[in-house]
Amino acid sequence: MTTKKYIKLILILGSLTALGPFSIDMYLPGFTNIAMDLNTSVAKVSMSLSSYFIGISVGQLLYGPLLDRFGRKKPLFIGLLVYILASLGCIYVTNIDTFIFLRFVQAVGSCAATVASVAMVRDLFPVKDIPKVFSLLMLVLGLSPMLAPTIGGYVTEDFGWHIVFLILMCMGIAILMASHFGLPNSYKPDTSISLKPKPIITNFLTVLKEPQFYTYAFTGAIAFSGLFTYVAASPIIFMDIYHVDAKSYGLIFAFMSVSFIGSSQLNSVLLKKFSSEQMIFAALILQSIISIVFLILSWYNLLTLYATITMLFLFLGCLGISNPNTAGLTMAPFAKNAGSASALMGAIQLGLGALASFAVGIFVIDSVTPMVLIMTATTIIAFIVLNIGKRFITEKVELTSDEEIIVGH
């Protein structure tokens, strides 16, 4: 594969991956304005974030079998069309319940892009390159939470929150065009895959029964729900509790993303010396220590705005290390069922993320402590799941320097 083609594929797959985070993060600075315009509370507006996560979670399961059955492009294009129409609806919405519903539909559309991009990484690149490609996608993906809330903050302050959804709609159209003209048909439709519920469920169960899948998928997803907790709580914490304005909030959110992206790039370097397993283990131990210190500080009211930012920055850095490695090890055993495995991994991650953000909408009102408590609990549970799950892996499929997948005992 030529370098030019490699870069083009990474950019298009990266933009597909970035659509979700842009849709999640870009409207966050507008929470206060949306609440005022739709005559509701900021906590109720945050439910539109939970409905988005539920939409992606459900959509992931829907697209997995479709991508394996019809090839990658058709389901991707249909999903993007749904996304474009839902974004258009959000521009003209007049009440909070319709808004929450449209965000759900928008999510179902956008996750076609997410699932397709992960499955196409498995189609287009040799196994040894997968963690490296995931790290590059993390870079593109990581730029989105830096750019999205910053752009969102400026757009909201200067033009109003409706324009955010107009921009998202235009992004959807641009990505649809780029995918149509720039992506190869990376996978022949497999007509043997049935779309009846029973075979689909059987297929998912086959994937789920693989010990390496459930160990790393759940470890990664539970740890990662700390990120969803932070995303859902951040408008309440920074704008309601610490009283920063929309532009400053966007900049704080962007600064936080530096930690997540920086560490996921550091991950590529560290992978030359350490195995993915060692990296996950170390990252979770460090994340547990950081979250416990964070909890003690918040419990005794010792947190200032800057202390909160520092602790969150360190916490997100650990996730940037563990996440590409759990994703790589979760996907490694699947050549045939990559679409279903990718969908199931995403659904678990986003389902748990939706629960975490839903908990934020209920408990995080006028204190940082509930957010930190949720983050500490998820980290410790992830560490326990990793150590219990590893005992059941008898044949470990590793990511090695050879192109072949190596099965180790």
Protein backbone atom coordinates (compact mmCIF):
# COMPACT_ATOMS: atom_id res chain seq x y z
CA MET A 1 0.00 0.00 0.00
CA THR A 2 1.46 3.40 -0.99
CA THR A 3 2.01 6.05 1.69
CA LYS A 4 -0.41 8.39 -0.13
CA LYS A 5 -3.16 5.75 -0.15
CA TYR A 6 -2.42 4.87 3.51
CA ILE A 7 -2.78 8.52 4.57
CA LYS A 8 -5.98 8.95 2.51
CA LEU A 9 -7.55 5.84 4.13
CA ILE A 10 -6.54 6.98 7.64
CA LEU A 11 -8.05 10.45 7.02
CA ILE A 12 -11.36 9.11 5.69
CA LEU A 13 -11.63 6.42 8.39
CA GLY A 14 -10.62 9.06 10.93
CA SER A 15 -13.37 11.43 9.77
CA LEU A 16 -15.90 8.58 10.03
CA THR A 17 -14.67 7.92 13.57
CA ALA A 18 -14.74 11.65 14.42
CA LEU A 19 -18.39 12.18 13.45
CA GLY A 20 -19.62 10.66 16.74
CA PRO A 21 -17.38 12.73 19.06
CA PHE A 22 -18.20 15.92 17.14
CA SER A 23 -21.91 15.16 17.55
CA ILE A 24 -21.38 14.52 21.27
CA ASP A 25 -19.04 17.39 22.16
CA MET A 26 -19.86 20.28 19.87
CA TYR A 27 -23.17 21.18 21.49
CA LEU A 28 -21.96 20.85 25.13
CA PRO A 29 -21.12 24.58 25.52
CA GLY A 30 -24.71 25.34 24.45
CA PHE A 31 -26.35 23.38 27.32
CA THR A 32 -27.32 26.52 29.27
CA ASN A 33 -28.74 28.24 26.15
CA ILE A 34 -30.62 25.12 25.03
CA ALA A 35 -32.15 24.83 28.52
CA MET A 36 -33.32 28.47 28.36
CA ASP A 37 -34.67 28.22 24.79
CA LEU A 38 -36.55 24.97 25.42
CA ASN A 39 -37.78 26.03 28.90
CA THR A 40 -36.06 23.24 30.82
CA SER A 41 -33.09 22.52 33.13
CA VAL A 42 -29.45 21.79 32.23
CA ALA A 43 -29.81 18.34 33.86
CA LYS A 44 -32.77 17.58 31.52
CA VAL A 45 -30.71 18.75 28.52
CA SER A 46 -27.97 16.32 29.62
CA MET A 47 -30.53 13.52 29.08
CA SER A 48 -30.11 14.25 25.33
CA LEU A 49 -26.53 13.05 25.82
CA SER A 50 -27.74 9.83 27.46
CA SER A 51 -30.24 9.26 24.62
CA TYR A 52 -27.40 9.80 22.14
CA PHE A 53 -25.28 7.14 23.89
CA ILE A 54 -28.24 4.72 23.94
CA GLY A 55 -28.77 5.41 20.21
CA ILE A 56 -25.16 4.60 19.38
CA SER A 57 -25.26 1.49 21.53
CA VAL A 58 -28.41 0.14 19.83
CA GLY A 59 -27.20 1.23 16.40
CA GLN A 60 -23.88 -0.59 16.81
CA LEU A 61 -25.72 -3.92 17.17
CA LEU A 62 -27.92 -3.11 14.19
CA TYR A 63 -25.07 -2.22 11.82
CA GLY A 64 -22.72 -5.10 12.74
CA PRO A 65 -24.72 -7.79 10.89
CA LEU A 66 -25.71 -5.34 8.10
CA LEU A 67 -22.05 -4.53 7.39
CA ASP A 68 -21.20 -8.24 7.18
CA ARG A 69 -24.27 -9.04 5.06
CA PHE A 70 -24.34 -6.13 2.56
CA GLY A 71 -20.68 -5.07 2.53
CA ARG A 72 -19.41 -1.87 4.15
CA LYS A 73 -20.70 0.89 1.90
CA LYS A 74 -24.50 0.52 1.62
CA PRO A 75 -25.28 0.43 5.37
CA LEU A 76 -22.76 3.27 5.88
CA PHE A 77 -24.52 5.52 3.34
CA ILE A 78 -27.99 4.81 4.77
CA GLY A 79 -26.74 5.58 8.29
CA LEU A 80 -25.19 8.86 7.17
CA LEU A 81 -28.45 9.90 5.46
CA VAL A 82 -30.37 9.24 8.69
CA TYR A 83 -27.77 11.33 10.55
CA ILE A 84 -28.06 14.25 8.10
CA LEU A 85 -31.89 14.33 8.37
CA ALA A 86 -31.87 14.09 12.19
CA SER A 87 -29.33 16.94 12.39
CA LEU A 88 -31.66 19.03 10.21
CA GLY A 89 -34.50 18.25 12.64
CA CYS A 90 -32.40 19.41 15.63
CA ILE A 91 -32.02 22.86 14.01
CA TYR A 92 -35.79 23.45 14.11
CA VAL A 93 -36.69 21.68 17.37
CA THR A 94 -39.02 23.50 19.79
CA ASN A 95 -39.31 21.23 22.85
CA ILE A 96 -36.91 19.16 24.93
CA ASP A 97 -38.59 15.77 24.43
CA THR A 98 -38.42 16.02 20.62
CA PHE A 99 -34.82 17.14 20.98
CA ILE A 100 -33.93 14.11 23.15
CA PHE A 101 -35.63 11.81 20.59
CA LEU A 102 -33.90 13.43 17.58
CA ARG A 103 -30.54 13.05 19.33
CA PHE A 104 -31.31 9.32 19.63
CA VAL A 105 -32.06 9.11 15.87
CA GLN A 106 -28.95 11.16 15.06
CA ALA A 107 -26.89 8.68 17.09
CA VAL A 108 -28.36 5.64 15.31
CA GLY A 109 -27.29 7.28 12.03
CA SER A 110 -23.81 8.34 13.15
CA CYS A 111 -22.77 5.00 14.55
CA ALA A 112 -22.87 3.45 11.06
CA ALA A 113 -19.73 5.54 10.54
CA THR A 114 -18.13 4.33 13.79
CA VAL A 115 -18.78 0.60 13.24
CA ALA A 116 -17.82 0.73 9.55
CA SER A 117 -14.52 2.47 10.30
CA VAL A 118 -13.48 -0.14 12.91
CA ALA A 119 -14.53 -3.07 10.66
CA MET A 120 -12.67 -1.54 7.68
CA VAL A 121 -9.47 -1.24 9.72
CA ARG A 122 -9.70 -5.02 10.16
CA ASP A 123 -10.39 -5.44 6.38
CA LEU A 124 -7.76 -3.11 4.96
CA PHE A 125 -4.70 -3.47 7.20
CA PRO A 126 -2.55 -6.46 8.28
CA VAL A 127 -3.03 -7.63 11.88
CA LYS A 128 0.36 -6.33 13.05
CA ASP A 129 -0.62 -2.79 11.96
CA ILE A 130 -4.00 -2.75 13.72
CA PRO A 131 -2.88 -1.24 17.10
CA LYS A 132 -0.83 1.36 15.16
CA VAL A 133 -3.83 2.23 12.94
CA PHE A 134 -6.09 2.43 16.00
CA SER A 135 -3.57 4.82 17.59
CA LEU A 136 -3.60 6.98 14.44
CA LEU A 137 -7.41 6.95 14.46
CA MET A 138 -7.19 7.94 18.12
CA LEU A 139 -5.17 10.96 16.99
CA VAL A 140 -7.86 12.01 14.48
CA LEU A 141 -10.51 10.99 17.00
CA GLY A 142 -8.70 12.85 19.76
CA LEU A 143 -8.59 16.07 17.78
CA SER A 144 -12.40 16.04 17.65
CA PRO A 145 -13.02 16.59 21.38
CA MET A 146 -10.34 19.31 21.23
CA LEU A 147 -11.85 21.12 18.26
CA ALA A 148 -15.55 20.34 18.72
CA PRO A 149 -16.32 22.09 22.05
CA THR A 150 -13.98 24.97 21.22
CA ILE A 151 -15.73 25.57 17.88
CA GLY A 152 -19.06 24.87 19.65
CA GLY A 153 -18.26 27.46 22.32
CA TYR A 154 -17.50 30.19 19.78
CA VAL A 155 -20.42 29.30 17.50
CA THR A 156 -22.86 29.19 20.44
CA GLU A 157 -21.72 32.56 21.85
CA ASP A 158 -21.68 34.31 18.47
CA PHE A 159 -24.45 32.65 16.42
CA GLY A 160 -26.56 30.51 18.81
CA TRP A 161 -26.69 26.75 19.40
CA HIS A 162 -28.89 26.00 16.34
CA ILE A 163 -25.95 26.71 14.02
CA VAL A 164 -23.98 23.90 15.73
CA PHE A 165 -26.46 21.40 14.27
CA LEU A 166 -26.27 23.06 10.85
CA ILE A 167 -22.47 22.52 10.93
CA LEU A 168 -22.96 18.87 11.98
CA MET A 169 -25.39 18.36 9.07
CA CYS A 170 -22.81 19.77 6.60
CA MET A 171 -20.14 17.50 8.13
CA GLY A 172 -22.42 14.51 7.53
CA ILE A 173 -22.81 15.48 3.86
CA ALA A 174 -19.03 16.00 3.41
CA ILE A 175 -18.20 12.62 5.01
CA LEU A 176 -20.81 10.87 2.85
CA MET A 177 -19.16 12.29 -0.30
CA ALA A 178 -15.61 11.43 0.88
CA SER A 179 -16.62 7.83 1.70
CA HIS A 180 -18.37 7.39 -1.63
CA PHE A 181 -15.41 8.55 -3.71
CA GLY A 182 -12.46 7.63 -1.48
CA LEU A 183 -13.12 4.26 0.14
CA PRO A 184 -12.64 0.90 -1.63
CA ASN A 185 -15.20 -1.90 -1.35
CA SER A 186 -13.15 -3.61 1.32
CA TYR A 187 -15.43 -6.55 1.97
CA LYS A 188 -17.56 -8.73 -0.29
CA PRO A 189 -21.15 -9.02 0.95
CA ASP A 190 -21.60 -12.36 2.71
CA THR A 191 -25.05 -13.59 1.66
CA SER A 192 -24.74 -16.57 4.02
CA ILE A 193 -25.28 -14.18 6.92
CA SER A 194 -28.95 -14.14 7.81
CA LEU A 195 -30.65 -11.00 9.09
CA LYS A 196 -33.27 -12.91 11.06
CA PRO A 197 -33.02 -12.19 14.81
CA LYS A 198 -32.10 -15.75 15.87
CA PRO A 199 -28.91 -16.18 13.75
CA ILE A 200 -27.86 -12.61 14.57
CA ILE A 201 -28.21 -13.28 18.31
CA THR A 202 -26.40 -16.63 17.89
CA ASN A 203 -23.59 -14.82 16.06
CA PHE A 204 -23.27 -12.23 18.85
CA LEU A 205 -23.31 -15.00 21.48
CA THR A 206 -20.48 -16.82 19.64
CA VAL A 207 -18.42 -13.64 19.81
CA LEU A 208 -19.38 -13.00 23.43
CA LYS A 209 -18.40 -16.53 24.53
CA GLU A 210 -14.79 -15.95 23.47
CA PRO A 211 -12.96 -15.33 26.80
CA GLN A 212 -10.47 -12.92 25.23
CA PHE A 213 -13.39 -10.89 23.84
CA TYR A 214 -15.40 -10.57 27.04
CA THR A 215 -12.36 -9.97 29.26
CA TYR A 216 -10.95 -7.06 27.25
CA ALA A 217 -14.27 -5.70 25.94
CA PHE A 218 -15.69 -5.35 29.46
CA THR A 219 -12.41 -4.18 31.02
CA GLY A 220 -12.11 -1.50 28.34
CA ALA A 221 -15.78 -0.50 28.44
CA ILE A 222 -16.04 -0.23 32.23
CA ALA A 223 -12.82 1.80 32.45
CA PHE A 224 -13.92 3.96 29.52
CA SER A 225 -17.27 4.78 31.15
CA GLY A 226 -15.17 7.14 33.31
CA LEU A 227 -14.73 9.26 30.18
CA PHE A 228 -18.50 9.32 29.52
CA THR A 229 -19.04 10.33 33.15
CA TYR A 230 -16.65 13.25 32.71
CA VAL A 231 -18.20 14.32 29.36
CA ALA A 232 -21.75 14.29 30.77
CA ALA A 233 -20.78 16.03 34.02
CA SER A 234 -18.43 18.63 32.55
CA PRO A 235 -21.04 21.28 31.51
CA ILE A 236 -22.59 21.09 35.02
CA ILE A 237 -19.21 21.13 36.80
CA PHE A 238 -17.47 23.84 34.82
CA MET A 239 -20.42 26.09 33.86
CA ASP A 240 -22.77 25.64 36.86
CA ILE A 241 -20.39 24.89 39.76
CA TYR A 242 -17.24 26.81 38.71
CA HIS A 243 -19.17 29.41 36.62
CA VAL A 244 -16.98 29.51 33.49
CA ASP A 245 -18.52 30.85 30.24
CA ALA A 246 -19.18 28.82 27.06
CA LYS A 247 -15.94 29.85 25.32
CA SER A 248 -13.76 29.08 28.38
CA TYR A 249 -15.56 25.77 28.84
CA GLY A 250 -14.75 24.86 25.22
CA LEU A 251 -11.08 25.68 25.82
CA ILE A 252 -10.94 23.65 29.07
CA PHE A 253 -12.54 20.69 27.29
CA ALA A 254 -10.00 21.03 24.45
CA PHE A 255 -7.12 21.12 26.94
CA MET A 256 -8.40 17.89 28.53
CA SER A 257 -8.34 16.17 25.16
CA VAL A 258 -4.60 16.85 24.89
CA SER A 259 -4.12 14.34 27.71
CA PHE A 260 -6.19 11.62 26.04
CA ILE A 261 -4.59 12.11 22.60
CA GLY A 262 -1.07 12.59 23.91
CA SER A 263 -1.18 9.37 25.91
CA SER A 264 -2.74 7.36 23.05
CA GLN A 265 0.17 8.49 20.84
CA LEU A 266 2.66 7.66 23.61
CA ASN A 267 1.02 4.24 23.54
CA SER A 268 2.38 3.61 20.00
CA VAL A 269 5.91 4.27 21.29
CA LEU A 270 5.50 2.16 24.44
CA LEU A 271 4.15 -0.79 22.39
CA LYS A 272 7.68 -1.26 21.01
CA LYS A 273 8.87 -2.19 24.52
CA PHE A 274 5.82 -3.54 26.33
CA SER A 275 2.92 -5.86 25.47
CA SER A 276 -0.65 -4.58 25.25
CA GLU A 277 -1.46 -6.64 28.36
CA GLN A 278 1.26 -4.96 30.44
CA MET A 279 0.09 -1.52 29.29
CA ILE A 280 -3.53 -2.17 30.28
CA PHE A 281 -2.48 -3.49 33.70
CA ALA A 282 -0.19 -0.51 34.44
CA ALA A 283 -2.70 2.06 33.16
CA LEU A 284 -5.49 0.68 35.35
CA ILE A 285 -3.32 0.62 38.50
CA LEU A 286 -2.31 4.24 37.88
CA GLN A 287 -5.91 5.23 37.08
CA SER A 288 -7.10 3.63 40.36
CA ILE A 289 -4.53 5.59 42.41
CA ILE A 290 -5.41 8.89 40.65
CA SER A 291 -9.16 8.42 41.09
CA ILE A 292 -8.83 7.54 44.81
CA VAL A 293 -6.71 10.68 45.44
CA PHE A 294 -9.27 12.69 43.42
CA LEU A 295 -12.11 11.26 45.54
CA ILE A 296 -10.35 12.13 48.83
CA LEU A 297 -9.73 15.72 47.63
CA SER A 298 -13.35 16.20 46.54
CA TRP A 299 -14.72 14.57 49.72
CA TYR A 300 -12.87 17.11 51.90
CA ASN A 301 -13.72 20.07 49.61
CA LEU A 302 -10.07 20.67 48.71
CA LEU A 303 -10.72 21.03 44.96
CA THR A 304 -10.33 24.35 43.16
CA LEU A 305 -11.10 24.76 39.45
CA TYR A 306 -7.42 24.16 38.59
CA ALA A 307 -7.08 21.15 40.91
CA THR A 308 -10.17 19.58 39.27
CA ILE A 309 -8.72 20.18 35.80
CA THR A 310 -5.36 18.65 36.86
CA MET A 311 -6.93 15.47 38.31
CA LEU A 312 -9.18 14.99 35.27
CA PHE A 313 -6.18 15.54 32.98
CA LEU A 314 -4.23 12.73 34.72
CA PHE A 315 -7.27 10.42 34.77
CA LEU A 316 -7.90 10.83 31.01
CA GLY A 317 -4.21 10.19 30.29
CA CYS A 318 -4.54 6.66 31.72
CA LEU A 319 -7.57 5.99 29.48
CA GLY A 320 -5.59 7.05 26.42
CA ILE A 321 -3.12 4.25 27.20
CA SER A 322 -5.57 1.45 28.08
CA ASN A 323 -8.22 2.08 25.40
CA PRO A 324 -6.30 1.28 22.13
CA ASN A 325 -4.86 -1.83 23.80
CA THR A 326 -8.18 -3.21 25.07
CA ALA A 327 -9.69 -2.51 21.61
CA GLY A 328 -6.83 -4.29 19.83
CA LEU A 329 -6.94 -7.37 22.08
CA THR A 330 -10.76 -7.51 21.92
CA MET A 331 -10.75 -7.53 18.10
CA ALA A 332 -7.65 -9.77 17.59
CA PRO A 333 -9.42 -13.19 17.56
CA PHE A 334 -11.93 -12.21 14.85
CA ALA A 335 -11.17 -12.32 11.16
CA LYS A 336 -14.58 -13.63 10.02
CA ASN A 337 -16.90 -11.89 12.49
CA ALA A 338 -15.05 -8.56 12.63
CA GLY A 339 -18.25 -6.54 11.95
CA SER A 340 -20.22 -8.27 14.70
CA ALA A 341 -17.26 -8.18 17.14
CA SER A 342 -16.71 -4.46 16.48
CA ALA A 343 -20.43 -3.75 16.91
CA LEU A 344 -20.68 -5.73 20.13
CA MET A 345 -17.55 -4.09 21.56
CA GLY A 346 -18.97 -0.65 20.73
CA ALA A 347 -22.41 -1.49 22.09
CA ILE A 348 -20.98 -2.65 25.42
CA GLN A 349 -18.81 0.46 25.67
CA LEU A 350 -21.60 2.89 24.79
CA GLY A 351 -24.28 1.05 26.76
CA LEU A 352 -22.18 1.39 29.91
CA GLY A 353 -21.37 4.97 28.89
CA ALA A 354 -25.10 5.74 28.63
CA LEU A 355 -25.65 4.33 32.14
CA ALA A 356 -22.79 6.44 33.52
CA SER A 357 -24.06 9.63 31.85
CA PHE A 358 -27.61 8.86 33.01
CA ALA A 359 -26.28 8.58 36.59
CA VAL A 360 -24.60 11.97 36.10
CA GLY A 361 -27.94 13.55 35.07
CA ILE A 362 -29.46 12.28 38.32
CA PHE A 363 -26.67 12.74 40.90
CA VAL A 364 -24.34 15.53 39.72
CA ILE A 365 -26.13 18.73 40.66
CA ASP A 366 -24.04 21.02 42.87
CA SER A 367 -20.95 18.99 43.76
CA VAL A 368 -17.99 17.35 42.00
CA THR A 369 -18.00 14.35 44.39
CA PRO A 370 -20.72 12.21 42.67
CA MET A 371 -18.80 12.39 39.37
CA VAL A 372 -15.52 11.36 41.02
CA LEU A 373 -17.26 8.58 42.93
CA ILE A 374 -18.63 7.10 39.68
CA MET A 375 -15.19 7.40 38.04
CA THR A 376 -13.42 5.70 40.97
CA ALA A 377 -15.94 2.86 41.09
CA THR A 378 -15.73 2.14 37.34
CA THR A 379 -11.91 2.10 37.42
CA ILE A 380 -11.70 -0.36 40.32
CA ILE A 381 -14.42 -2.62 38.83
CA ALA A 382 -12.53 -2.63 35.47
CA PHE A 383 -9.34 -3.73 37.25
CA ILE A 384 -11.20 -6.56 39.03
CA VAL A 385 -12.87 -7.71 35.75
CA LEU A 386 -9.45 -7.78 34.01
CA ASN A 387 -7.89 -9.97 36.69
CA ILE A 388 -10.82 -12.40 36.89
CA GLY A 389 -11.32 -12.58 33.09
CA LYS A 390 -7.64 -13.34 32.35
CA ARG A 391 -7.96 -16.66 34.19
CA PHE A 392 -10.44 -17.92 31.55
CA ILE A 393 -8.24 -17.16 28.53
CA THR A 394 -6.64 -20.50 27.58
CA GLU A 395 -5.64 -19.62 24.01
CA LYS A 396 -4.51 -16.03 23.76
CA VAL A 397 -4.54 -14.41 20.31
CA GLU A 398 -1.75 -11.84 20.38
CA LEU A 399 -0.86 -8.91 18.18
CA THR A 400 2.68 -9.69 17.02
CA SER A 401 5.21 -8.29 14.61
CA ASP A 402 4.35 -11.00 12.06
CA GLU A 403 1.33 -10.56 9.86
CA GLU A 404 -0.25 -13.76 11.10
CA ILE A 405 -2.31 -13.80 14.26
CA ILE A 406 -0.44 -15.89 16.78
CA VAL A 407 -2.41 -18.16 19.05
CA GLY A 408 -0.57 -18.68 22.32
CA HIS A 409 -1.37 -21.07 25.14
